[in-house]
PDB file of N, CA and C in Angstrom:
ATOM      1  N   MET A   1       0.842  -1.170   0.000  1.00  0.00           N
ATOM      2  CA  MET A   1       0.000   0.000   0.000  1.00  0.00           C
ATOM      3  C   MET A   1       0.894   1.242   0.000  1.00  0.00           C
ATOM      4  N   ALA A   2       0.515   2.232  -0.753  1.00  0.00           N
ATOM      5  CA  ALA A   2       1.298   3.467  -0.869  1.00  0.00           C
ATOM      6  C   ALA A   2       1.185   4.270   0.424  1.00  0.00           C
ATOM      7  N   ASP A   3       2.252   4.972   0.744  1.00  0.00           N
ATOM      8  CA  ASP A   3       2.199   5.783   1.955  1.00  0.00           C
ATOM      9  C   ASP A   3       1.276   6.984   1.737  1.00  0.00           C
ATOM     10  N   PRO A   4       0.759   7.556   2.827  1.00  0.00           N
ATOM     11  CA  PRO A   4      -0.224   8.652   2.702  1.00  0.00           C
ATOM     12  C   PRO A   4       0.309   9.869   1.948  1.00  0.00           C
ATOM     13  N   GLU A   5       1.592  10.170   2.094  1.00  0.00           N
ATOM     14  CA  GLU A   5       2.143  11.347   1.419  1.00  0.00           C
ATOM     15  C   GLU A   5       2.128  11.166  -0.098  1.00  0.00           C
ATOM     16  N   THR A   6       2.467   9.972  -0.569  1.00  0.00           N
ATOM     17  CA  THR A   6       2.436   9.699  -2.008  1.00  0.00           C
ATOM     18  C   THR A   6       1.008   9.773  -2.530  1.00  0.00           C
ATOM     19  N   ARG A   7       0.069   9.246  -1.759  1.00  0.00           N
ATOM     20  CA  ARG A   7      -1.340   9.279  -2.164  1.00  0.00           C
ATOM     21  C   ARG A   7      -1.850  10.721  -2.222  1.00  0.00           C
ATOM     22  N   ASP A   8      -1.451  11.539  -1.244  1.00  0.00           N
ATOM     23  CA  ASP A   8      -1.855  12.943  -1.241  1.00  0.00           C
ATOM     24  C   ASP A   8      -1.276  13.696  -2.434  1.00  0.00           C
ATOM     25  N   MET A   9      -0.043  13.386  -2.778  1.00  0.00           N
ATOM     26  CA  MET A   9       0.575  14.033  -3.944  1.00  0.00           C
ATOM     27  C   MET A   9      -0.141  13.633  -5.232  1.00  0.00           C
ATOM     28  N   ALA A  10      -0.548  12.374  -5.336  1.00  0.00           N
ATOM     29  CA  ALA A  10      -1.279  11.921  -6.521  1.00  0.00           C
ATOM     30  C   ALA A  10      -2.630  12.626  -6.611  1.00  0.00           C
ATOM     31  N   LEU A  11      -3.304  12.775  -5.479  1.00  0.00           N
ATOM     32  CA  LEU A  11      -4.581  13.483  -5.472  1.00  0.00           C
ATOM     33  C   LEU A  11      -4.393  14.946  -5.849  1.00  0.00           C
ATOM     34  N   ALA A  12      -3.315  15.546  -5.363  1.00  0.00           N
ATOM     35  CA  ALA A  12      -3.044  16.953  -5.697  1.00  0.00           C
ATOM     36  C   ALA A  12      -2.774  17.110  -7.184  1.00  0.00           C
ATOM     37  N   ARG A  13      -2.048  16.164  -7.789  1.00  0.00           N
ATOM     38  CA  ARG A  13      -1.788  16.225  -9.230  1.00  0.00           C
ATOM     39  C   ARG A  13      -3.084  16.100 -10.027  1.00  0.00           C
ATOM     40  N   GLN A  14      -3.960  15.193  -9.600  1.00  0.00           N
ATOM     41  CA  GLN A  14      -5.237  15.033 -10.297  1.00  0.00           C
ATOM     42  C   GLN A  14      -6.100  16.282 -10.173  1.00  0.00           C
ATOM     43  N   ALA A  15      -6.106  16.875  -8.990  1.00  0.00           N
ATOM     44  CA  ALA A  15      -6.889  18.102  -8.793  1.00  0.00           C
ATOM     45  C   ALA A  15      -6.324  19.237  -9.641  1.00  0.00           C
ATOM     46  N   LYS A  16      -5.017  19.308  -9.715  1.00  0.00           N
ATOM     47  CA  LYS A  16      -4.378  20.345 -10.534  1.00  0.00           C
ATOM     48  C   LYS A  16      -4.715  20.155 -12.010  1.00  0.00           C
ATOM     49  N   LEU A  17      -4.699  18.914 -12.467  1.00  0.00           N
ATOM     50  CA  LEU A  17      -5.052  18.627 -13.856  1.00  0.00           C
ATOM     51  C   LEU A  17      -6.500  19.015 -14.142  1.00  0.00           C
ATOM     52  N   ALA A  18      -7.400  18.700 -13.222  1.00  0.00           N
ATOM     53  CA  ALA A  18      -8.809  19.071 -13.399  1.00  0.00           C
ATOM     54  C   ALA A  18      -8.961  20.588 -13.472  1.00  0.00           C
ATOM     55  N   ALA A  19      -8.230  21.301 -12.635  1.00  0.00           N
ATOM     56  CA  ALA A  19      -8.295  22.767 -12.659  1.00  0.00           C
ATOM     57  C   ALA A  19      -7.760  23.322 -13.979  1.00  0.00           C
ATOM     58  N   LEU A  20      -6.678  22.750 -14.468  1.00  0.00           N
ATOM     59  CA  LEU A  20      -6.131  23.200 -15.758  1.00  0.00           C
ATOM     60  C   LEU A  20      -7.098  22.924 -16.903  1.00  0.00           C
ATOM     61  N   VAL A  21      -7.751  21.777 -16.862  1.00  0.00           N
ATOM     62  CA  VAL A  21      -8.731  21.454 -17.910  1.00  0.00           C
ATOM     63  C   VAL A  21      -9.901  22.421 -17.857  1.00  0.00           C
ATOM     64  N   MET A  22     -10.365  22.762 -16.651  1.00  0.00           N
ATOM     65  CA  MET A  22     -11.462  23.730 -16.536  1.00  0.00           C
ATOM     66  C   MET A  22     -11.058  25.092 -17.085  1.00  0.00           C
ATOM     67  N   CYS A  23      -9.871  25.548 -16.722  1.00  0.00           N
ATOM     68  CA  CYS A  23      -9.403  26.863 -17.207  1.00  0.00           C
ATOM     69  C   CYS A  23      -9.242  26.862 -18.727  1.00  0.00           C
ATOM     70  N   ALA A  24      -8.631  25.813 -19.264  1.00  0.00           N
ATOM     71  CA  ALA A  24      -8.444  25.734 -20.714  1.00  0.00           C
ATOM     72  C   ALA A  24      -9.787  25.639 -21.436  1.00  0.00           C
ATOM     73  N   THR A  25     -10.719  24.905 -20.866  1.00  0.00           N
ATOM     74  CA  THR A  25     -12.043  24.768 -21.471  1.00  0.00           C
ATOM     75  C   THR A  25     -12.752  26.113 -21.528  1.00  0.00           C
ATOM     76  N   ILE A  26     -12.731  26.837 -20.431  1.00  0.00           N
ATOM     77  CA  ILE A  26     -13.378  28.156 -20.403  1.00  0.00           C
ATOM     78  C   ILE A  26     -12.734  29.088 -21.421  1.00  0.00           C
ATOM     79  N   LEU A  27     -11.408  29.112 -21.414  1.00  0.00           N
ATOM     80  CA  LEU A  27     -10.695  30.001 -22.324  1.00  0.00           C
ATOM     81  C   LEU A  27     -10.983  29.658 -23.788  1.00  0.00           C
ATOM     82  N   LEU A  28     -10.874  28.391 -24.148  1.00  0.00           N
ATOM     83  CA  LEU A  28     -11.142  27.987 -25.535  1.00  0.00           C
ATOM     84  C   LEU A  28     -12.595  28.221 -25.921  1.00  0.00           C
ATOM     85  N   TRP A  29     -13.506  27.959 -24.999  1.00  0.00           N
ATOM     86  CA  TRP A  29     -14.924  28.132 -25.278  1.00  0.00           C
ATOM     87  C   TRP A  29     -15.235  29.598 -25.605  1.00  0.00           C
ATOM     88  N   VAL A  30     -14.706  30.506 -24.814  1.00  0.00           N
ATOM     89  CA  VAL A  30     -14.954  31.928 -25.036  1.00  0.00           C
ATOM     90  C   VAL A  30     -14.275  32.405 -26.321  1.00  0.00           C
ATOM     91  N   VAL A  31     -13.018  32.034 -26.500  1.00  0.00           N
ATOM     92  CA  VAL A  31     -12.261  32.494 -27.673  1.00  0.00           C
ATOM     93  C   VAL A  31     -12.866  31.940 -28.961  1.00  0.00           C
ATOM     94  N   LEU A  32     -13.165  30.642 -28.979  1.00  0.00           N
ATOM     95  CA  LEU A  32     -13.734  30.061 -30.196  1.00  0.00           C
ATOM     96  C   LEU A  32     -15.130  30.605 -30.480  1.00  0.00           C
ATOM     97  N   GLY A  33     -15.903  30.878 -29.433  1.00  0.00           N
ATOM     98  CA  GLY A  33     -17.215  31.499 -29.635  1.00  0.00           C
ATOM     99  C   GLY A  33     -17.094  32.883 -30.240  1.00  0.00           C
ATOM    100  N   TRP A  34     -16.140  33.647 -29.745  1.00  0.00           N
ATOM    101  CA  TRP A  34     -15.915  34.988 -30.279  1.00  0.00           C
ATOM    102  C   TRP A  34     -15.435  34.924 -31.730  1.00  0.00           C
ATOM    103  N   ILE A  35     -14.497  34.039 -32.014  1.00  0.00           N
ATOM    104  CA  ILE A  35     -13.997  33.896 -33.391  1.00  0.00           C
ATOM    105  C   ILE A  35     -15.130  33.475 -34.326  1.00  0.00           C
ATOM    106  N   GLY A  36     -15.968  32.556 -33.851  1.00  0.00           N
ATOM    107  CA  GLY A  36     -17.091  32.100 -34.667  1.00  0.00           C
ATOM    108  C   GLY A  36     -18.055  33.216 -35.010  1.00  0.00           C
ATOM    109  N   ARG A  37     -18.319  34.085 -34.034  1.00  0.00           N
ATOM    110  CA  ARG A  37     -19.208  35.221 -34.314  1.00  0.00           C
ATOM    111  C   ARG A  37     -18.559  36.221 -35.255  1.00  0.00           C
ATOM    112  N   GLU A  38     -17.271  36.478 -35.065  1.00  0.00           N
ATOM    113  CA  GLU A  38     -16.567  37.452 -35.909  1.00  0.00           C
ATOM    114  C   GLU A  38     -16.498  37.010 -37.371  1.00  0.00           C
ATOM    115  N   TYR A  39     -16.274  35.724 -37.595  1.00  0.00           N
ATOM    116  CA  TYR A  39     -16.121  35.229 -38.955  1.00  0.00           C
ATOM    117  C   TYR A  39     -17.399  34.615 -39.520  1.00  0.00           C
ATOM    118  N   GLY A  40     -18.472  34.674 -38.765  1.00  0.00           N
ATOM    119  CA  GLY A  40     -19.760  34.209 -39.265  1.00  0.00           C
ATOM    120  C   GLY A  40     -19.818  32.715 -39.513  1.00  0.00           C
ATOM    121  N   TRP A  41     -19.234  31.929 -38.595  1.00  0.00           N
ATOM    122  CA  TRP A  41     -19.275  30.477 -38.740  1.00  0.00           C
ATOM    123  C   TRP A  41     -20.716  29.985 -38.678  1.00  0.00           C
ATOM    124  N   ASP A  42     -20.945  28.855 -39.299  1.00  0.00           N
ATOM    125  CA  ASP A  42     -22.244  28.207 -39.284  1.00  0.00           C
ATOM    126  C   ASP A  42     -22.623  27.871 -37.833  1.00  0.00           C
ATOM    127  N   PRO A  43     -23.890  28.029 -37.459  1.00  0.00           N
ATOM    128  CA  PRO A  43     -24.290  27.745 -36.067  1.00  0.00           C
ATOM    129  C   PRO A  43     -23.992  26.327 -35.598  1.00  0.00           C
ATOM    130  N   ARG A  44     -23.894  25.377 -36.492  1.00  0.00           N
ATOM    131  CA  ARG A  44     -23.599  24.012 -36.056  1.00  0.00           C
ATOM    132  C   ARG A  44     -22.208  23.927 -35.427  1.00  0.00           C
ATOM    133  N   TYR A  45     -21.290  24.828 -35.833  1.00  0.00           N
ATOM    134  CA  TYR A  45     -19.971  24.850 -35.193  1.00  0.00           C
ATOM    135  C   TYR A  45     -20.069  25.381 -33.771  1.00  0.00           C
ATOM    136  N   ALA A  46     -20.992  26.290 -33.542  1.00  0.00           N
ATOM    137  CA  ALA A  46     -21.209  26.787 -32.175  1.00  0.00           C
ATOM    138  C   ALA A  46     -21.691  25.652 -31.277  1.00  0.00           C
ATOM    139  N   PHE A  47     -22.603  24.820 -31.803  1.00  0.00           N
ATOM    140  CA  PHE A  47     -23.065  23.675 -31.028  1.00  0.00           C
ATOM    141  C   PHE A  47     -21.924  22.690 -30.776  1.00  0.00           C
ATOM    142  N   LEU A  48     -21.083  22.491 -31.754  1.00  0.00           N
ATOM    143  CA  LEU A  48     -19.933  21.599 -31.585  1.00  0.00           C
ATOM    144  C   LEU A  48     -18.994  22.133 -30.501  1.00  0.00           C
ATOM    145  N   ILE A  49     -18.740  23.422 -30.520  1.00  0.00           N
ATOM    146  CA  ILE A  49     -17.891  24.042 -29.500  1.00  0.00           C
ATOM    147  C   ILE A  49     -18.538  23.904 -28.117  1.00  0.00           C
ATOM    148  N   ASP A  50     -19.852  24.137 -28.044  1.00  0.00           N
ATOM    149  CA  ASP A  50     -20.552  24.015 -26.764  1.00  0.00           C
ATOM    150  C   ASP A  50     -20.506  22.586 -26.235  1.00  0.00           C
ATOM    151  N   PHE A  51     -20.715  21.608 -27.104  1.00  0.00           N
ATOM    152  CA  PHE A  51     -20.675  20.211 -26.654  1.00  0.00           C
ATOM    153  C   PHE A  51     -19.270  19.799 -26.231  1.00  0.00           C
ATOM    154  N   ALA A  52     -18.259  20.300 -26.912  1.00  0.00           N
ATOM    155  CA  ALA A  52     -16.879  20.014 -26.505  1.00  0.00           C
ATOM    156  C   ALA A  52     -16.599  20.637 -25.129  1.00  0.00           C
ATOM    157  N   ALA A  53     -17.108  21.839 -24.898  1.00  0.00           N
ATOM    158  CA  ALA A  53     -16.937  22.480 -23.592  1.00  0.00           C
ATOM    159  C   ALA A  53     -17.672  21.693 -22.509  1.00  0.00           C
ATOM    160  N   LEU A  54     -18.867  21.226 -22.816  1.00  0.00           N
ATOM    161  CA  LEU A  54     -19.598  20.405 -21.851  1.00  0.00           C
ATOM    162  C   LEU A  54     -18.841  19.129 -21.513  1.00  0.00           C
ATOM    163  N   ALA A  55     -18.229  18.523 -22.519  1.00  0.00           N
ATOM    164  CA  ALA A  55     -17.444  17.309 -22.274  1.00  0.00           C
ATOM    165  C   ALA A  55     -16.247  17.616 -21.374  1.00  0.00           C
ATOM    166  N   GLY A  56     -15.572  18.714 -21.624  1.00  0.00           N
ATOM    167  CA  GLY A  56     -14.444  19.104 -20.777  1.00  0.00           C
ATOM    168  C   GLY A  56     -14.875  19.374 -19.344  1.00  0.00           C
ATOM    169  N   PHE A  57     -15.992  20.080 -19.168  1.00  0.00           N
ATOM    170  CA  PHE A  57     -16.498  20.354 -17.827  1.00  0.00           C
ATOM    171  C   PHE A  57     -16.953  19.074 -17.124  1.00  0.00           C
ATOM    172  N   ALA A  58     -17.605  18.184 -17.864  1.00  0.00           N
ATOM    173  CA  ALA A  58     -18.053  16.921 -17.268  1.00  0.00           C
ATOM    174  C   ALA A  58     -16.856  16.096 -16.804  1.00  0.00           C
ATOM    175  N   TRP A  59     -15.818  16.019 -17.632  1.00  0.00           N
ATOM    176  CA  TRP A  59     -14.623  15.271 -17.255  1.00  0.00           C
ATOM    177  C   TRP A  59     -13.999  15.867 -15.989  1.00  0.00           C
ATOM    178  N   ALA A  60     -13.866  17.179 -15.962  1.00  0.00           N
ATOM    179  CA  ALA A  60     -13.269  17.836 -14.799  1.00  0.00           C
ATOM    180  C   ALA A  60     -14.128  17.634 -13.550  1.00  0.00           C
ATOM    181  N   LEU A  61     -15.443  17.657 -13.701  1.00  0.00           N
ATOM    182  CA  LEU A  61     -16.327  17.434 -12.569  1.00  0.00           C
ATOM    183  C   LEU A  61     -16.169  16.018 -12.028  1.00  0.00           C
ATOM    184  N   ILE A  62     -16.095  15.046 -12.910  1.00  0.00           N
ATOM    185  CA  ILE A  62     -15.921  13.656 -12.483  1.00  0.00           C
ATOM    186  C   ILE A  62     -14.592  13.470 -11.764  1.00  0.00           C
ATOM    187  N   VAL A  63     -13.528  14.022 -12.317  1.00  0.00           N
ATOM    188  CA  VAL A  63     -12.211  13.906 -11.682  1.00  0.00           C
ATOM    189  C   VAL A  63     -12.215  14.612 -10.328  1.00  0.00           C
ATOM    190  N   THR A  64     -12.807  15.791 -10.249  1.00  0.00           N
ATOM    191  CA  THR A  64     -12.873  16.523  -8.984  1.00  0.00           C
ATOM    192  C   THR A  64     -13.658  15.738  -7.939  1.00  0.00           C
ATOM    193  N   PHE A  65     -14.760  15.136  -8.343  1.00  0.00           N
ATOM    194  CA  PHE A  65     -15.559  14.340  -7.420  1.00  0.00           C
ATOM    195  C   PHE A  65     -14.759  13.140  -6.920  1.00  0.00           C
ATOM    196  N   ARG A  66     -14.026  12.468  -7.818  1.00  0.00           N
ATOM    197  CA  ARG A  66     -13.209  11.325  -7.415  1.00  0.00           C
ATOM    198  C   ARG A  66     -12.101  11.744  -6.455  1.00  0.00           C
ATOM    199  N   VAL A  67     -11.472  12.886  -6.713  1.00  0.00           N
ATOM    200  CA  VAL A  67     -10.426  13.382  -5.805  1.00  0.00           C
ATOM    201  C   VAL A  67     -11.027  13.676  -4.442  1.00  0.00           C
ATOM    202  N   TRP A  68     -12.190  14.308  -4.425  1.00  0.00           N
ATOM    203  CA  TRP A  68     -12.856  14.639  -3.166  1.00  0.00           C
ATOM    204  C   TRP A  68     -13.183  13.368  -2.372  1.00  0.00           C
ATOM    205  N   ARG A  69     -13.724  12.364  -3.061  1.00  0.00           N
ATOM    206  CA  ARG A  69     -14.090  11.113  -2.383  1.00  0.00           C
ATOM    207  C   ARG A  69     -12.855  10.391  -1.844  1.00  0.00           C
ATOM    208  N   ARG A  70     -11.799  10.316  -2.650  1.00  0.00           N
ATOM    209  CA  ARG A  70     -10.586   9.644  -2.191  1.00  0.00           C
ATOM    210  C   ARG A  70      -9.924  10.401  -1.057  1.00  0.00           C
ATOM    211  N   GLY A  71      -9.962  11.717  -1.109  1.00  0.00           N
ATOM    212  CA  GLY A  71      -9.398  12.501  -0.033  1.00  0.00           C
ATOM    213  C   GLY A  71     -10.172  12.321   1.273  1.00  0.00           C
ATOM    214  N   LYS A  72     -11.468  12.143   1.134  1.00  0.00           N
ATOM    215  CA  LYS A  72     -12.316  11.941   2.297  1.00  0.00           C
ATOM    216  C   LYS A  72     -12.093  10.571   2.943  1.00  0.00           C
ATOM    217  N   THR A  73     -11.898   9.545   2.109  1.00  0.00           N
ATOM    218  CA  THR A  73     -11.742   8.194   2.650  1.00  0.00           C
ATOM    219  C   THR A  73     -10.334   7.949   3.201  1.00  0.00           C
ATOM    220  N   SER A  74      -9.353   8.741   2.776  1.00  0.00           N
ATOM    221  CA  SER A  74      -7.989   8.511   3.251  1.00  0.00           C
ATOM    222  C   SER A  74      -7.775   9.072   4.650  1.00  0.00           C
ATOM    223  N   ARG A  75      -8.698   9.863   5.155  1.00  0.00           N
ATOM    224  CA  ARG A  75      -8.529  10.451   6.489  1.00  0.00           C
ATOM    225  C   ARG A  75      -9.136   9.614   7.548  1.00  0.00           C
TER     226      ARG A  75
END
């Protein structure tokens, strides 16, 4: 079994990755939405961008929930 410090570091890395994915998702979602409006992209691309953002947020939410649960059970 891994020692608690190693487990805590792994949880911290996962939480950091989830935070980076959330930040990148927000940034790309806003920038691509703005570019799409400026260049008059077809609305179906807006839906594609929105669904990709939802997927990124869902992934980050799942990872965050798993980190929270594992952090709770390790104490």
